[in-house]
Amino acid sequence: MFCWRSSTRATISQPAAEPAAAAVAPTAVPAALTQRWSATSARTLSPIVVSNTVVTGDERTVAGLDPQTGQQRWVYARDTDLCGVSYVYDLAVAVYPDSRGCGQVSGINAGTGQRGPTRTSYADNQVVLTSDGSAALSAGPTRLELWRSDLVRMLSYGELDARVKPVHQAVGTGCTLMSAAGSDTAVSVLEACRDTKDLRLTLLKPAKEEDEPDTKHIALPGLAVDSDARVLAVSGTNTAVFLPTPRPTVVVYDETGTKVSETPLRPGVTLTGAAPAVTRAGDFISWWTGTSVVVFDKKLGYRYTLDALDPLGPATMMAGKLLVPVADGLGVYDAANGARERVITLSHPDGKGPVLPAVSGSFVIEQRGSAIAGFGPG
């Protein structure tokens, strides 16, 4: 029997008239860029550019926009406000709330707007959604889940749907999940646990049972639970963590919990937003510290710190060059050595970050707060 109050009836789905064409890779960074469009996307943390489509999320609606014109190609909406929007491979991932928290998950083909896989589960009422492109992570203060491209849950940790196994009695008890990041092979989370004054880093790997991941705890003595420590990124099974004391440092751990490297940072690290301002640019991972842009390779090995003039955000990549939002425009950098080559003049009105960039063909997409804009050649 058809239910008049079903989630299907409460959904608006208007796919694109035709699939998005593939983006044409530019051979060079344009000499000049001009803003072509703007939109509101309060439910994305950074620009989501998938299948030559910019995916936005605002209020109840997820939309797929043409990156060159900003025109809406498709729309998907429910009868309640979004918790957030992420992506995995060519799938936009829209998360909505229900009585069990932010656990109603809908996959949407980014190139066509056609509905894809769905899932539902217990979740916190507020979650942070991140992705490395190969898996999507939903993390709240008491629970996290890692989803693969068909939205099947690869790993869960923390409070559980139902404590039906003896092993569940101790999982996640008394700990708050402070910061997390993941890949398709691992998740790392900083936890503040009951009756413990210091944070701990927990390394998780998918196992035979998704709710019983391989788990390793790393003590972080002297790192107070109210510190600004963050998990910056997980690449493969390596984890980069920002530790603010005794001096600001990025520490990389491998899957065994062994410290692989330590990179001291310049003074003045400031952290804003629900997640660190981290981007994946080609074979590089970059982080905006608030005063500088630190670049790592895809295994989280330190490469260099960009000589950016008033950087406003991390890097993206176009035609083999790193592009960084700066106060008076967009800095263009040699990816091999981090040398600044030139600055493309753009308007960043208030000169504050973070500004998160992405690229589609020869267009640059920037997000700052809930505002997103597209810049094209000319």
Protein backbone atom coordinates (compact mmCIF):
# COMPACT_ATOMS: atom_id res chain seq x y z
CA MET A 1 0.00 0.00 0.00
CA PHE A 2 1.27 3.48 -0.87
CA CYS A 3 1.91 5.64 2.20
CA TRP A 4 0.78 9.28 1.92
CA ARG A 5 3.34 10.22 4.56
CA SER A 6 6.23 8.28 3.06
CA SER A 7 9.66 9.83 2.51
CA THR A 8 9.23 9.23 -1.22
CA ARG A 9 6.13 11.42 -1.32
CA ALA A 10 7.98 14.10 0.66
CA THR A 11 10.81 14.18 -1.92
CA ILE A 12 11.24 16.44 -4.94
CA SER A 13 13.56 14.97 -7.57
CA GLN A 14 14.08 16.77 -10.87
CA PRO A 15 16.98 15.19 -12.81
CA ALA A 16 18.92 16.99 -15.52
CA ALA A 17 17.58 17.06 -19.05
CA GLU A 18 20.83 15.42 -20.18
CA PRO A 19 24.04 14.26 -18.49
CA ALA A 20 26.74 16.84 -17.90
CA ALA A 21 29.48 16.83 -20.53
CA ALA A 22 33.00 16.03 -19.36
CA ALA A 23 35.13 19.04 -18.40
CA VAL A 24 37.92 19.97 -20.80
CA ALA A 25 41.26 19.98 -19.00
CA PRO A 26 43.06 23.30 -19.58
CA THR A 27 46.66 23.35 -20.80
CA ALA A 28 47.48 26.50 -18.82
CA VAL A 29 46.11 28.65 -16.03
CA PRO A 30 44.19 31.61 -17.54
CA ALA A 31 45.86 35.02 -17.52
CA ALA A 32 42.76 36.52 -15.90
CA LEU A 33 39.62 35.31 -14.18
CA THR A 34 36.25 37.02 -13.80
CA GLN A 35 33.40 36.12 -11.48
CA ARG A 36 30.57 34.63 -13.56
CA TRP A 37 28.03 33.55 -10.94
CA SER A 38 27.32 33.10 -7.25
CA ALA A 39 25.04 30.89 -5.16
CA THR A 40 24.27 29.94 -1.57
CA SER A 41 25.50 26.62 -0.19
CA ALA A 42 25.34 26.68 3.60
CA ARG A 43 25.37 22.89 3.93
CA THR A 44 28.69 22.21 2.18
CA LEU A 45 32.04 22.78 3.89
CA SER A 46 33.91 23.32 0.62
CA PRO A 47 33.06 23.29 -3.10
CA ILE A 48 31.86 19.89 -4.28
CA VAL A 49 32.78 19.56 -7.94
CA VAL A 50 31.89 16.11 -9.31
CA SER A 51 31.22 15.02 -12.91
CA ASN A 52 31.68 18.62 -14.13
CA THR A 53 28.88 19.71 -11.79
CA VAL A 54 28.98 21.96 -8.74
CA VAL A 55 26.83 20.40 -6.02
CA THR A 56 25.30 22.85 -3.54
CA GLY A 57 23.25 22.30 -0.40
CA ASP A 58 21.06 24.91 1.25
CA GLU A 59 18.04 24.63 3.56
CA ARG A 60 16.13 21.58 2.21
CA THR A 61 17.62 21.46 -1.27
CA VAL A 62 20.58 19.85 -3.02
CA ALA A 63 21.24 21.22 -6.51
CA GLY A 64 23.61 20.49 -9.37
CA LEU A 65 24.92 23.63 -11.09
CA ASP A 66 26.73 24.23 -14.36
CA PRO A 67 30.22 25.35 -13.25
CA GLN A 68 30.47 27.86 -16.10
CA THR A 69 27.12 29.60 -15.71
CA GLY A 70 25.83 28.65 -12.28
CA GLN A 71 22.55 27.56 -13.88
CA GLN A 72 20.71 24.75 -12.12
CA ARG A 73 20.90 21.41 -13.93
CA TRP A 74 19.04 19.31 -11.39
CA VAL A 75 17.45 19.55 -7.96
CA TYR A 76 16.72 17.18 -5.08
CA ALA A 77 14.80 18.22 -1.97
CA ARG A 78 13.12 16.73 1.08
CA ASP A 79 10.55 18.09 3.53
CA THR A 80 13.16 18.89 6.19
CA ASP A 81 16.38 20.90 6.34
CA LEU A 82 19.64 19.24 5.33
CA CYS A 83 22.22 18.13 7.87
CA GLY A 84 24.91 18.42 5.21
CA VAL A 85 26.15 17.39 1.77
CA SER A 86 29.27 15.45 0.81
CA TYR A 87 30.33 13.19 -2.07
CA VAL A 88 32.04 9.94 -2.95
CA TYR A 89 33.34 9.26 -6.46
CA ASP A 90 30.57 10.51 -8.82
CA LEU A 91 27.86 10.50 -6.15
CA ALA A 92 26.56 13.52 -4.26
CA VAL A 93 25.66 12.45 -0.72
CA ALA A 94 22.79 14.32 0.96
CA VAL A 95 22.16 13.75 4.67
CA TYR A 96 18.80 14.59 6.26
CA PRO A 97 17.54 14.20 9.85
CA ASP A 98 14.84 11.99 11.27
CA SER A 99 13.87 10.95 14.79
CA ARG A 100 17.19 9.05 15.15
CA GLY A 101 19.43 11.98 14.16
CA CYS A 102 21.21 12.88 10.92
CA GLY A 103 20.98 9.39 9.47
CA GLN A 104 18.73 9.63 6.38
CA VAL A 105 21.26 9.45 3.53
CA SER A 106 20.49 9.85 -0.17
CA GLY A 107 22.92 9.31 -3.02
CA ILE A 108 22.43 11.39 -6.18
CA ASN A 109 24.34 10.92 -9.43
CA ALA A 110 26.13 14.26 -9.71
CA GLY A 111 26.21 14.28 -13.50
CA THR A 112 22.52 13.51 -14.03
CA GLY A 113 20.66 14.24 -10.79
CA GLN A 114 19.21 10.72 -10.85
CA ARG A 115 18.56 9.14 -7.46
CA GLY A 116 21.05 6.50 -6.39
CA PRO A 117 21.62 4.37 -3.28
CA THR A 118 20.20 5.29 0.11
CA ARG A 119 20.78 4.30 3.71
CA THR A 120 19.41 5.08 7.16
CA SER A 121 20.82 4.60 10.65
CA TYR A 122 21.17 6.09 14.11
CA ALA A 123 23.30 9.27 14.17
CA ASP A 124 23.96 12.41 16.19
CA ASN A 125 21.75 15.43 15.67
CA GLN A 126 24.72 17.30 14.24
CA VAL A 127 27.39 15.71 12.05
CA VAL A 128 30.45 16.83 10.10
CA LEU A 129 30.61 15.34 6.60
CA THR A 130 33.98 14.95 4.89
CA SER A 131 35.33 12.91 1.99
CA ASP A 132 38.64 12.05 0.36
CA GLY A 133 36.72 11.15 -2.80
CA SER A 134 36.88 7.39 -2.24
CA ALA A 135 34.73 7.23 0.93
CA ALA A 136 32.47 9.59 2.86
CA LEU A 137 32.74 10.07 6.62
CA SER A 138 29.91 11.24 8.88
CA ALA A 139 31.15 12.16 12.36
CA GLY A 140 29.21 13.48 15.32
CA PRO A 141 30.15 13.90 18.98
CA THR A 142 29.21 10.32 19.94
CA ARG A 143 29.30 8.27 16.72
CA LEU A 144 30.91 8.08 13.30
CA GLU A 145 30.32 6.06 10.15
CA LEU A 146 32.35 5.53 6.96
CA TRP A 147 30.44 4.86 3.72
CA ARG A 148 31.67 3.50 0.41
CA SER A 149 30.38 4.51 -3.04
CA ASP A 150 27.17 2.47 -2.76
CA LEU A 151 26.59 3.95 0.73
CA VAL A 152 27.18 0.60 2.40
CA ARG A 153 28.64 1.22 5.85
CA MET A 154 32.29 0.14 5.93
CA LEU A 155 32.97 1.08 9.53
CA SER A 156 31.15 2.48 12.56
CA TYR A 157 32.48 3.57 15.94
CA GLY A 158 31.08 5.04 19.12
CA GLU A 159 27.50 4.74 20.27
CA LEU A 160 25.64 1.97 18.48
CA ASP A 161 22.22 1.34 16.95
CA ALA A 162 21.62 -1.54 19.36
CA ARG A 163 23.98 -3.17 21.85
CA VAL A 164 23.35 -6.75 20.80
CA LYS A 165 26.85 -8.20 21.10
CA PRO A 166 29.00 -8.57 24.22
CA VAL A 167 31.76 -6.53 22.53
CA HIS A 168 29.39 -3.57 22.32
CA GLN A 169 29.26 -2.99 26.05
CA ALA A 170 32.46 -0.95 26.13
CA VAL A 171 32.58 0.52 22.63
CA GLY A 172 32.53 4.31 22.70
CA THR A 173 31.46 4.53 26.35
CA GLY A 174 32.32 7.84 27.98
CA CYS A 175 34.17 9.41 25.05
CA THR A 176 33.37 12.44 22.92
CA LEU A 177 34.59 12.39 19.31
CA MET A 178 36.32 15.74 18.85
CA SER A 179 37.80 15.58 15.33
CA ALA A 180 37.94 12.89 12.65
CA ALA A 181 39.03 12.20 9.08
CA GLY A 182 39.01 9.11 6.91
CA SER A 183 39.93 7.31 3.71
CA ASP A 184 38.56 4.13 2.18
CA THR A 185 41.04 2.13 4.28
CA ALA A 186 41.14 3.90 7.65
CA VAL A 187 39.54 6.45 9.98
CA SER A 188 41.30 8.42 12.71
CA VAL A 189 39.58 10.28 15.53
CA LEU A 190 40.64 12.42 18.47
CA GLU A 191 38.65 11.50 21.58
CA ALA A 192 38.03 13.18 24.91
CA CYS A 193 37.21 10.37 27.34
CA ARG A 194 35.56 10.43 30.74
CA ASP A 195 37.87 10.85 33.74
CA THR A 196 40.85 11.53 31.44
CA LYS A 197 42.39 14.98 31.20
CA ASP A 198 44.22 14.32 27.91
CA LEU A 199 43.01 13.61 24.40
CA ARG A 200 43.76 10.29 22.75
CA LEU A 201 44.11 9.46 19.07
CA THR A 202 42.22 6.36 17.94
CA LEU A 203 43.14 4.62 14.67
CA LEU A 204 40.38 2.53 13.07
CA LYS A 205 40.48 0.08 10.17
CA PRO A 206 37.55 -1.77 8.60
CA ALA A 207 37.31 -5.40 9.70
CA LYS A 208 35.03 -8.37 9.04
CA GLU A 209 32.27 -6.80 11.13
CA GLU A 210 31.74 -3.12 10.35
CA ASP A 211 30.86 -2.34 13.99
CA GLU A 212 33.98 -4.09 15.29
CA PRO A 213 36.82 -2.22 13.51
CA ASP A 214 40.47 -2.93 14.20
CA THR A 215 41.26 -0.32 16.84
CA LYS A 216 44.47 1.19 18.19
CA HIS A 217 44.59 3.92 20.85
CA ILE A 218 47.50 6.37 21.02
CA ALA A 219 47.99 8.32 24.23
CA LEU A 220 48.73 12.05 23.80
CA PRO A 221 50.01 13.08 27.23
CA GLY A 222 49.81 16.79 27.95
CA LEU A 223 47.28 17.45 25.18
CA ALA A 224 44.28 18.86 27.02
CA VAL A 225 40.77 17.96 25.91
CA ASP A 226 40.00 21.67 25.30
CA SER A 227 43.03 22.17 23.05
CA ASP A 228 42.83 23.04 19.36
CA ALA A 229 44.21 19.66 18.24
CA ARG A 230 42.69 18.35 15.00
CA VAL A 231 42.89 15.35 12.74
CA LEU A 232 43.83 17.03 9.46
CA ALA A 233 43.75 14.17 6.98
CA VAL A 234 43.95 10.42 6.52
CA SER A 235 45.66 9.19 3.37
CA GLY A 236 45.77 5.45 2.94
CA THR A 237 46.51 4.38 6.51
CA ASN A 238 48.66 7.39 7.44
CA THR A 239 47.18 10.13 9.64
CA ALA A 240 48.21 13.78 9.93
CA VAL A 241 47.31 15.44 13.23
CA PHE A 242 47.79 19.06 14.30
CA LEU A 243 49.14 19.23 17.86
CA PRO A 244 49.21 22.77 19.32
CA THR A 245 51.51 22.01 22.27
CA PRO A 246 54.28 22.18 23.33
CA ARG A 247 54.71 24.00 20.01
CA PRO A 248 52.47 23.93 16.92
CA THR A 249 53.37 20.80 14.97
CA VAL A 250 51.89 18.43 12.40
CA VAL A 251 52.60 14.83 13.39
CA VAL A 252 52.06 11.93 10.99
CA TYR A 253 51.35 8.44 12.36
CA ASP A 254 51.23 5.17 10.44
CA GLU A 255 48.66 2.42 11.00
CA THR A 256 50.65 0.92 13.87
CA GLY A 257 50.64 4.21 15.77
CA THR A 258 54.31 4.82 15.02
CA LYS A 259 55.25 8.46 14.57
CA VAL A 260 56.46 8.85 10.98
CA SER A 261 57.28 12.56 10.92
CA GLU A 262 56.98 15.86 12.77
CA THR A 263 56.70 19.20 10.98
CA PRO A 264 57.02 22.37 13.12
CA LEU A 265 54.72 25.19 12.04
CA ARG A 266 55.02 28.94 11.94
CA PRO A 267 53.35 30.77 14.85
CA GLY A 268 49.80 32.05 14.52
CA VAL A 269 47.80 28.91 13.67
CA THR A 270 44.09 29.73 13.88
CA LEU A 271 41.38 27.12 13.43
CA THR A 272 37.88 28.00 12.27
CA GLY A 273 34.89 26.07 10.98
CA ALA A 274 33.54 22.59 11.56
CA ALA A 275 36.53 20.91 9.87
CA PRO A 276 40.12 21.96 9.10
CA ALA A 277 40.60 23.87 5.85
CA VAL A 278 42.17 20.94 3.99
CA THR A 279 42.03 20.26 0.25
CA ARG A 280 43.28 17.52 -2.06
CA ALA A 281 44.93 19.04 -5.12
CA GLY A 282 46.15 16.46 -7.60
CA ASP A 283 48.81 14.42 -5.80
CA PHE A 284 49.01 16.98 -2.98
CA ILE A 285 47.16 17.63 0.25
CA SER A 286 47.19 21.22 1.53
CA TRP A 287 46.13 22.83 4.78
CA TRP A 288 45.46 26.51 5.49
CA THR A 289 46.71 27.21 9.02
CA GLY A 290 45.21 30.70 9.12
CA THR A 291 48.55 32.33 8.32
CA SER A 292 50.18 29.97 5.79
CA VAL A 293 49.50 27.05 3.46
CA VAL A 294 51.31 23.79 4.25
CA VAL A 295 51.59 21.26 1.42
CA PHE A 296 52.03 17.50 1.81
CA ASP A 297 52.33 14.72 -0.75
CA LYS A 298 49.62 12.07 -1.07
CA LYS A 299 51.30 9.95 1.65
CA LEU A 300 51.30 12.98 3.98
CA GLY A 301 55.02 13.62 3.61
CA TYR A 302 55.81 17.32 4.11
CA ARG A 303 56.76 19.10 0.86
CA TYR A 304 56.86 22.84 1.55
CA THR A 305 55.06 25.84 2.98
CA LEU A 306 53.85 28.19 0.26
CA ASP A 307 55.15 31.75 0.29
CA ALA A 308 51.63 33.12 0.08
CA LEU A 309 50.83 36.81 0.55
CA ASP A 310 47.98 36.90 3.08
CA PRO A 311 46.64 33.44 2.18
CA LEU A 312 42.91 33.01 2.66
CA GLY A 313 42.66 29.29 2.14
CA PRO A 314 44.33 26.05 0.98
CA ALA A 315 45.26 25.13 -2.58
CA THR A 316 43.62 23.61 -5.60
CA MET A 317 45.29 22.51 -8.84
CA MET A 318 44.86 23.55 -12.47
CA ALA A 319 47.13 22.65 -15.40
CA GLY A 320 49.81 21.37 -13.04
CA LYS A 321 49.91 24.58 -10.97
CA LEU A 322 48.75 25.12 -7.41
CA LEU A 323 46.23 27.94 -6.98
CA VAL A 324 45.83 29.61 -3.58
CA PRO A 325 43.24 32.26 -2.60
CA VAL A 326 45.10 35.34 -1.37
CA ALA A 327 43.93 38.76 -0.21
CA ASP A 328 44.15 40.38 -3.65
CA GLY A 329 43.38 37.41 -5.85
CA LEU A 330 44.57 33.92 -6.65
CA GLY A 331 48.24 32.99 -6.29
CA VAL A 332 49.74 30.68 -8.92
CA TYR A 333 52.52 28.38 -7.66
CA ASP A 334 54.93 25.87 -9.15
CA ALA A 335 53.77 22.52 -7.77
CA ALA A 336 57.28 21.05 -7.90
CA ASN A 337 58.89 23.49 -5.48
CA GLY A 338 56.15 25.84 -4.21
CA ALA A 339 57.62 28.95 -5.86
CA ARG A 340 55.11 31.74 -6.48
CA GLU A 341 54.86 32.67 -10.17
CA ARG A 342 52.14 35.33 -10.28
CA VAL A 343 48.87 36.53 -8.80
CA ILE A 344 45.59 36.64 -10.73
CA THR A 345 43.56 39.61 -9.53
CA LEU A 346 40.25 38.60 -7.96
CA SER A 347 37.94 40.26 -5.47
CA HIS A 348 37.96 38.82 -1.96
CA PRO A 349 35.99 41.64 -0.33
CA ASP A 350 36.70 41.28 3.36
CA GLY A 351 40.13 39.70 3.07
CA LYS A 352 39.27 36.95 5.53
CA GLY A 353 39.26 33.18 5.25
CA PRO A 354 38.86 30.39 4.95
CA VAL A 355 38.23 30.49 1.24
CA LEU A 356 38.05 26.91 -0.08
CA PRO A 357 38.87 26.52 -3.80
CA ALA A 358 38.18 23.82 -6.39
CA VAL A 359 38.53 23.56 -10.16
CA SER A 360 36.30 22.46 -13.02
CA GLY A 361 38.07 22.72 -16.39
CA SER A 362 39.38 26.27 -16.66
CA PHE A 363 36.91 27.56 -14.03
CA VAL A 364 37.76 28.14 -10.37
CA ILE A 365 35.02 27.56 -7.79
CA GLU A 366 35.40 29.19 -4.35
CA GLN A 367 33.40 28.78 -1.17
CA ARG A 368 33.55 31.12 1.82
CA GLY A 369 31.03 30.47 4.54
CA SER A 370 27.68 29.88 2.86
CA ALA A 371 28.63 31.76 -0.32
CA ILE A 372 29.94 29.95 -3.38
CA ALA A 373 31.08 31.55 -6.65
CA GLY A 374 32.44 30.59 -10.06
CA PHE A 375 35.29 32.39 -11.86
CA GLY A 376 36.02 31.91 -15.54
CA PRO A 377 38.69 33.01 -18.02
CA GLY A 378 38.63 36.62 -19.14
